[in-house]
Amino acid sequence: MRGVCLMPTIDNVKIKGEYLNGAYSELAALLGIDAVLKIHSKYRGTQMFFPVELFSREFIVKQIR
């Protein structure tokens, strides 16, 4: 993990979702500030793609069998 502070405050200012940039604000509304700070710390600068299909093909085939 990259060295980023995961504390929910900066200089005694409580971080709110409305303070966050773009998708981070939306994620904070869904997951909470703490989760977003962890995501930012681990993946910041990484371009991510979320497939439409949530489950793997192998899992679906296994469930059908």
PDB file of N, CA and C in Angstrom:
ATOM      1  N   MET A   1       0.846  -1.173   0.000  1.00  0.00           N
ATOM      2  CA  MET A   1       0.000   0.000   0.000  1.00  0.00           C
ATOM      3  C   MET A   1       0.894   1.240   0.000  1.00  0.00           C
ATOM      4  N   ARG A   2       0.522   2.230  -0.753  1.00  0.00           N
ATOM      5  CA  ARG A   2       1.291   3.468  -0.827  1.00  0.00           C
ATOM      6  C   ARG A   2       1.110   4.265   0.455  1.00  0.00           C
ATOM      7  N   GLY A   3       2.077   5.078   0.805  1.00  0.00           N
ATOM      8  CA  GLY A   3       2.063   5.799   2.065  1.00  0.00           C
ATOM      9  C   GLY A   3       1.128   6.998   2.088  1.00  0.00           C
ATOM     10  N   VAL A   4      -0.150   6.745   2.312  1.00  0.00           N
ATOM     11  CA  VAL A   4      -1.137   7.812   2.403  1.00  0.00           C
ATOM     12  C   VAL A   4      -1.864   7.662   3.720  1.00  0.00           C
ATOM     13  N   CYS A   5      -2.110   8.763   4.378  1.00  0.00           N
ATOM     14  CA  CYS A   5      -2.826   8.747   5.651  1.00  0.00           C
ATOM     15  C   CYS A   5      -4.269   8.293   5.441  1.00  0.00           C
ATOM     16  N   LEU A   6      -4.698   7.320   6.238  1.00  0.00           N
ATOM     17  CA  LEU A   6      -6.065   6.820   6.130  1.00  0.00           C
ATOM     18  C   LEU A   6      -6.987   7.433   7.170  1.00  0.00           C
ATOM     19  N   MET A   7      -6.525   8.453   7.856  1.00  0.00           N
ATOM     20  CA  MET A   7      -7.337   9.080   8.891  1.00  0.00           C
ATOM     21  C   MET A   7      -8.467   9.884   8.257  1.00  0.00           C
ATOM     22  N   PRO A   8      -9.681   9.837   8.841  1.00  0.00           N
ATOM     23  CA  PRO A   8     -10.811  10.563   8.257  1.00  0.00           C
ATOM     24  C   PRO A   8     -10.806  12.063   8.553  1.00  0.00           C
ATOM     25  N   THR A   9      -9.671  12.602   8.957  1.00  0.00           N
ATOM     26  CA  THR A   9      -9.561  14.043   9.163  1.00  0.00           C
ATOM     27  C   THR A   9      -8.248  14.541   8.567  1.00  0.00           C
ATOM     28  N   ILE A  10      -8.247  15.793   8.176  1.00  0.00           N
ATOM     29  CA  ILE A  10      -7.039  16.468   7.714  1.00  0.00           C
ATOM     30  C   ILE A  10      -6.962  17.771   8.488  1.00  0.00           C
ATOM     31  N   ASP A  11      -5.895  17.939   9.267  1.00  0.00           N
ATOM     32  CA  ASP A  11      -5.730  19.139  10.089  1.00  0.00           C
ATOM     33  C   ASP A  11      -6.984  19.438  10.899  1.00  0.00           C
ATOM     34  N   ASN A  12      -7.522  18.411  11.555  1.00  0.00           N
ATOM     35  CA  ASN A  12      -8.703  18.522  12.414  1.00  0.00           C
ATOM     36  C   ASN A  12      -9.975  18.926  11.672  1.00  0.00           C
ATOM     37  N   VAL A  13     -10.007  18.764  10.347  1.00  0.00           N
ATOM     38  CA  VAL A  13     -11.218  19.017   9.564  1.00  0.00           C
ATOM     39  C   VAL A  13     -11.780  17.655   9.171  1.00  0.00           C
ATOM     40  N   LYS A  14     -13.006  17.375   9.581  1.00  0.00           N
ATOM     41  CA  LYS A  14     -13.624  16.090   9.239  1.00  0.00           C
ATOM     42  C   LYS A  14     -13.905  16.047   7.745  1.00  0.00           C
ATOM     43  N   ILE A  15     -13.451  14.981   7.104  1.00  0.00           N
ATOM     44  CA  ILE A  15     -13.652  14.820   5.667  1.00  0.00           C
ATOM     45  C   ILE A  15     -15.094  14.415   5.409  1.00  0.00           C
ATOM     46  N   LYS A  16     -15.729  15.086   4.470  1.00  0.00           N
ATOM     47  CA  LYS A  16     -17.088  14.771   4.050  1.00  0.00           C
ATOM     48  C   LYS A  16     -17.059  14.397   2.578  1.00  0.00           C
ATOM     49  N   GLY A  17     -18.014  13.566   2.167  1.00  0.00           N
ATOM     50  CA  GLY A  17     -18.079  13.135   0.778  1.00  0.00           C
ATOM     51  C   GLY A  17     -18.138  14.289  -0.198  1.00  0.00           C
ATOM     52  N   GLU A  18     -18.780  15.358   0.201  1.00  0.00           N
ATOM     53  CA  GLU A  18     -18.922  16.519  -0.685  1.00  0.00           C
ATOM     54  C   GLU A  18     -17.587  17.213  -0.958  1.00  0.00           C
ATOM     55  N   TYR A  19     -16.578  16.941  -0.140  1.00  0.00           N
ATOM     56  CA  TYR A  19     -15.255  17.532  -0.341  1.00  0.00           C
ATOM     57  C   TYR A  19     -14.431  16.756  -1.372  1.00  0.00           C
ATOM     58  N   LEU A  20     -14.872  15.561  -1.696  1.00  0.00           N
ATOM     59  CA  LEU A  20     -14.079  14.678  -2.550  1.00  0.00           C
ATOM     60  C   LEU A  20     -14.315  14.944  -4.028  1.00  0.00           C
ATOM     61  N   ASN A  21     -13.335  14.577  -4.826  1.00  0.00           N
ATOM     62  CA  ASN A  21     -13.325  14.832  -6.253  1.00  0.00           C
ATOM     63  C   ASN A  21     -14.078  13.750  -7.030  1.00  0.00           C
ATOM     64  N   GLY A  22     -14.985  14.137  -7.908  1.00  0.00           N
ATOM     65  CA  GLY A  22     -15.641  13.257  -8.874  1.00  0.00           C
ATOM     66  C   GLY A  22     -16.158  11.943  -8.333  1.00  0.00           C
ATOM     67  N   ALA A  23     -15.625  10.850  -8.893  1.00  0.00           N
ATOM     68  CA  ALA A  23     -16.081   9.507  -8.540  1.00  0.00           C
ATOM     69  C   ALA A  23     -15.857   9.203  -7.067  1.00  0.00           C
ATOM     70  N   TYR A  24     -14.847   9.813  -6.441  1.00  0.00           N
ATOM     71  CA  TYR A  24     -14.611   9.572  -5.016  1.00  0.00           C
ATOM     72  C   TYR A  24     -15.807  10.018  -4.182  1.00  0.00           C
ATOM     73  N   SER A  25     -16.433  11.106  -4.577  1.00  0.00           N
ATOM     74  CA  SER A  25     -17.620  11.588  -3.882  1.00  0.00           C
ATOM     75  C   SER A  25     -18.767  10.591  -4.010  1.00  0.00           C
ATOM     76  N   GLU A  26     -18.951  10.055  -5.208  1.00  0.00           N
ATOM     77  CA  GLU A  26     -20.002   9.056  -5.437  1.00  0.00           C
ATOM     78  C   GLU A  26     -19.727   7.777  -4.654  1.00  0.00           C
ATOM     79  N   LEU A  27     -18.472   7.341  -4.647  1.00  0.00           N
ATOM     80  CA  LEU A  27     -18.113   6.152  -3.882  1.00  0.00           C
ATOM     81  C   LEU A  27     -18.319   6.362  -2.386  1.00  0.00           C
ATOM     82  N   ALA A  28     -18.018   7.563  -1.904  1.00  0.00           N
ATOM     83  CA  ALA A  28     -18.210   7.861  -0.484  1.00  0.00           C
ATOM     84  C   ALA A  28     -19.684   7.750  -0.102  1.00  0.00           C
ATOM     85  N   ALA A  29     -20.567   8.182  -0.985  1.00  0.00           N
ATOM     86  CA  ALA A  29     -22.002   8.077  -0.727  1.00  0.00           C
ATOM     87  C   ALA A  29     -22.432   6.609  -0.652  1.00  0.00           C
ATOM     88  N   LEU A  30     -21.811   5.749  -1.442  1.00  0.00           N
ATOM     89  CA  LEU A  30     -22.156   4.326  -1.464  1.00  0.00           C
ATOM     90  C   LEU A  30     -21.472   3.527  -0.361  1.00  0.00           C
ATOM     91  N   LEU A  31     -20.176   3.800  -0.138  1.00  0.00           N
ATOM     92  CA  LEU A  31     -19.354   2.932   0.706  1.00  0.00           C
ATOM     93  C   LEU A  31     -18.896   3.551   2.018  1.00  0.00           C
ATOM     94  N   GLY A  32     -18.925   4.879   2.093  1.00  0.00           N
ATOM     95  CA  GLY A  32     -18.420   5.569   3.280  1.00  0.00           C
ATOM     96  C   GLY A  32     -17.016   6.110   3.050  1.00  0.00           C
ATOM     97  N   ILE A  33     -16.667   7.110   3.839  1.00  0.00           N
ATOM     98  CA  ILE A  33     -15.382   7.804   3.699  1.00  0.00           C
ATOM     99  C   ILE A  33     -14.203   6.864   3.938  1.00  0.00           C
ATOM    100  N   ASP A  34     -14.268   6.046   4.993  1.00  0.00           N
ATOM    101  CA  ASP A  34     -13.147   5.162   5.319  1.00  0.00           C
ATOM    102  C   ASP A  34     -12.813   4.221   4.165  1.00  0.00           C
ATOM    103  N   ALA A  35     -13.830   3.644   3.527  1.00  0.00           N
ATOM    104  CA  ALA A  35     -13.599   2.747   2.397  1.00  0.00           C
ATOM    105  C   ALA A  35     -12.966   3.503   1.232  1.00  0.00           C
ATOM    106  N   VAL A  36     -13.427   4.717   0.978  1.00  0.00           N
ATOM    107  CA  VAL A  36     -12.889   5.516  -0.131  1.00  0.00           C
ATOM    108  C   VAL A  36     -11.429   5.880   0.122  1.00  0.00           C
ATOM    109  N   LEU A  37     -11.097   6.193   1.357  1.00  0.00           N
ATOM    110  CA  LEU A  37      -9.703   6.505   1.675  1.00  0.00           C
ATOM    111  C   LEU A  37      -8.807   5.288   1.465  1.00  0.00           C
ATOM    112  N   LYS A  38      -9.315   4.102   1.791  1.00  0.00           N
ATOM    113  CA  LYS A  38      -8.548   2.874   1.560  1.00  0.00           C
ATOM    114  C   LYS A  38      -8.391   2.617   0.071  1.00  0.00           C
ATOM    115  N   ILE A  39      -9.466   2.802  -0.694  1.00  0.00           N
ATOM    116  CA  ILE A  39      -9.402   2.620  -2.144  1.00  0.00           C
ATOM    117  C   ILE A  39      -8.408   3.600  -2.754  1.00  0.00           C
ATOM    118  N   HIS A  40      -8.469   4.847  -2.335  1.00  0.00           N
ATOM    119  CA  HIS A  40      -7.554   5.871  -2.847  1.00  0.00           C
ATOM    120  C   HIS A  40      -6.106   5.513  -2.519  1.00  0.00           C
ATOM    121  N   SER A  41      -5.874   5.083  -1.302  1.00  0.00           N
ATOM    122  CA  SER A  41      -4.524   4.742  -0.880  1.00  0.00           C
ATOM    123  C   SER A  41      -3.949   3.593  -1.708  1.00  0.00           C
ATOM    124  N   LYS A  42      -4.760   2.594  -1.980  1.00  0.00           N
ATOM    125  CA  LYS A  42      -4.300   1.403  -2.699  1.00  0.00           C
ATOM    126  C   LYS A  42      -4.223   1.616  -4.216  1.00  0.00           C
ATOM    127  N   TYR A  43      -5.188   2.315  -4.798  1.00  0.00           N
ATOM    128  CA  TYR A  43      -5.329   2.358  -6.258  1.00  0.00           C
ATOM    129  C   TYR A  43      -5.171   3.734  -6.901  1.00  0.00           C
ATOM    130  N   ARG A  44      -4.819   4.740  -6.159  1.00  0.00           N
ATOM    131  CA  ARG A  44      -4.741   6.095  -6.730  1.00  0.00           C
ATOM    132  C   ARG A  44      -3.841   6.112  -7.962  1.00  0.00           C
ATOM    133  N   GLY A  45      -4.306   6.802  -8.968  1.00  0.00           N
ATOM    134  CA  GLY A  45      -3.561   6.901 -10.214  1.00  0.00           C
ATOM    135  C   GLY A  45      -3.767   5.730 -11.164  1.00  0.00           C
ATOM    136  N   THR A  46      -4.461   4.696 -10.695  1.00  0.00           N
ATOM    137  CA  THR A  46      -4.702   3.512 -11.515  1.00  0.00           C
ATOM    138  C   THR A  46      -6.018   3.669 -12.254  1.00  0.00           C
ATOM    139  N   GLN A  47      -5.998   3.417 -13.536  1.00  0.00           N
ATOM    140  CA  GLN A  47      -7.232   3.448 -14.304  1.00  0.00           C
ATOM    141  C   GLN A  47      -7.916   2.103 -14.128  1.00  0.00           C
ATOM    142  N   MET A  48      -9.198   2.126 -13.759  1.00  0.00           N
ATOM    143  CA  MET A  48      -9.912   0.889 -13.499  1.00  0.00           C
ATOM    144  C   MET A  48     -11.121   0.766 -14.422  1.00  0.00           C
ATOM    145  N   PHE A  49     -11.470  -0.474 -14.711  1.00  0.00           N
ATOM    146  CA  PHE A  49     -12.623  -0.793 -15.539  1.00  0.00           C
ATOM    147  C   PHE A  49     -13.444  -1.824 -14.793  1.00  0.00           C
ATOM    148  N   PHE A  50     -14.740  -1.592 -14.666  1.00  0.00           N
ATOM    149  CA  PHE A  50     -15.626  -2.537 -14.009  1.00  0.00           C
ATOM    150  C   PHE A  50     -16.508  -3.181 -15.072  1.00  0.00           C
ATOM    151  N   PRO A  51     -16.303  -4.493 -15.326  1.00  0.00           N
ATOM    152  CA  PRO A  51     -17.116  -5.182 -16.332  1.00  0.00           C
ATOM    153  C   PRO A  51     -18.599  -5.142 -15.964  1.00  0.00           C
ATOM    154  N   VAL A  52     -19.443  -5.235 -16.976  1.00  0.00           N
ATOM    155  CA  VAL A  52     -20.886  -5.270 -16.752  1.00  0.00           C
ATOM    156  C   VAL A  52     -21.251  -6.524 -15.965  1.00  0.00           C
ATOM    157  N   GLU A  53     -20.618  -7.640 -16.316  1.00  0.00           N
ATOM    158  CA  GLU A  53     -20.898  -8.908 -15.650  1.00  0.00           C
ATOM    159  C   GLU A  53     -20.173  -8.947 -14.306  1.00  0.00           C
ATOM    160  N   LEU A  54     -20.910  -9.148 -13.244  1.00  0.00           N
ATOM    161  CA  LEU A  54     -20.313  -9.198 -11.908  1.00  0.00           C
ATOM    162  C   LEU A  54     -19.654 -10.546 -11.643  1.00  0.00           C
ATOM    163  N   PHE A  55     -20.314 -11.637 -12.064  1.00  0.00           N
ATOM    164  CA  PHE A  55     -19.822 -12.974 -11.771  1.00  0.00           C
ATOM    165  C   PHE A  55     -19.041 -13.546 -12.953  1.00  0.00           C
ATOM    166  N   SER A  56     -18.051 -14.400 -12.623  1.00  0.00           N
ATOM    167  CA  SER A  56     -17.257 -15.041 -13.674  1.00  0.00           C
ATOM    168  C   SER A  56     -18.093 -16.089 -14.396  1.00  0.00           C
ATOM    169  N   ARG A  57     -17.699 -16.368 -15.617  1.00  0.00           N
ATOM    170  CA  ARG A  57     -18.386 -17.387 -16.414  1.00  0.00           C
ATOM    171  C   ARG A  57     -18.311 -18.750 -15.721  1.00  0.00           C
ATOM    172  N   GLU A  58     -17.150 -19.057 -15.146  1.00  0.00           N
ATOM    173  CA  GLU A  58     -16.979 -20.329 -14.456  1.00  0.00           C
ATOM    174  C   GLU A  58     -17.957 -20.485 -13.307  1.00  0.00           C
ATOM    175  N   PHE A  59     -18.159 -19.424 -12.548  1.00  0.00           N
ATOM    176  CA  PHE A  59     -19.097 -19.467 -11.426  1.00  0.00           C
ATOM    177  C   PHE A  59     -20.521 -19.716 -11.918  1.00  0.00           C
ATOM    178  N   ILE A  60     -20.910 -19.019 -12.976  1.00  0.00           N
ATOM    179  CA  ILE A  60     -22.270 -19.169 -13.508  1.00  0.00           C
ATOM    180  C   ILE A  60     -22.495 -20.594 -13.995  1.00  0.00           C
ATOM    181  N   VAL A  61     -21.522 -21.141 -14.730  1.00  0.00           N
ATOM    182  CA  VAL A  61     -21.642 -22.514 -15.223  1.00  0.00           C
ATOM    183  C   VAL A  61     -21.768 -23.487 -14.048  1.00  0.00           C
ATOM    184  N   LYS A  62     -20.968 -23.289 -13.028  1.00  0.00           N
ATOM    185  CA  LYS A  62     -21.010 -24.153 -11.841  1.00  0.00           C
ATOM    186  C   LYS A  62     -22.390 -24.093 -11.174  1.00  0.00           C
ATOM    187  N   GLN A  63     -22.975 -22.906 -11.098  1.00  0.00           N
ATOM    188  CA  GLN A  63     -24.279 -22.760 -10.467  1.00  0.00           C
ATOM    189  C   GLN A  63     -25.380 -23.425 -11.284  1.00  0.00           C
ATOM    190  N   ILE A  64     -25.245 -23.391 -12.604  1.00  0.00           N
ATOM    191  CA  ILE A  64     -26.249 -24.017 -13.476  1.00  0.00           C
ATOM    192  C   ILE A  64     -26.198 -25.534 -13.340  1.00  0.00           C
ATOM    193  N   ARG A  65     -24.983 -26.083 -13.227  1.00  0.00           N
ATOM    194  CA  ARG A  65     -24.826 -27.533 -13.093  1.00  0.00           C
ATOM    195  C   ARG A  65     -25.402 -27.971 -11.780  1.00  0.00           C
TER     196      ARG A  65
END
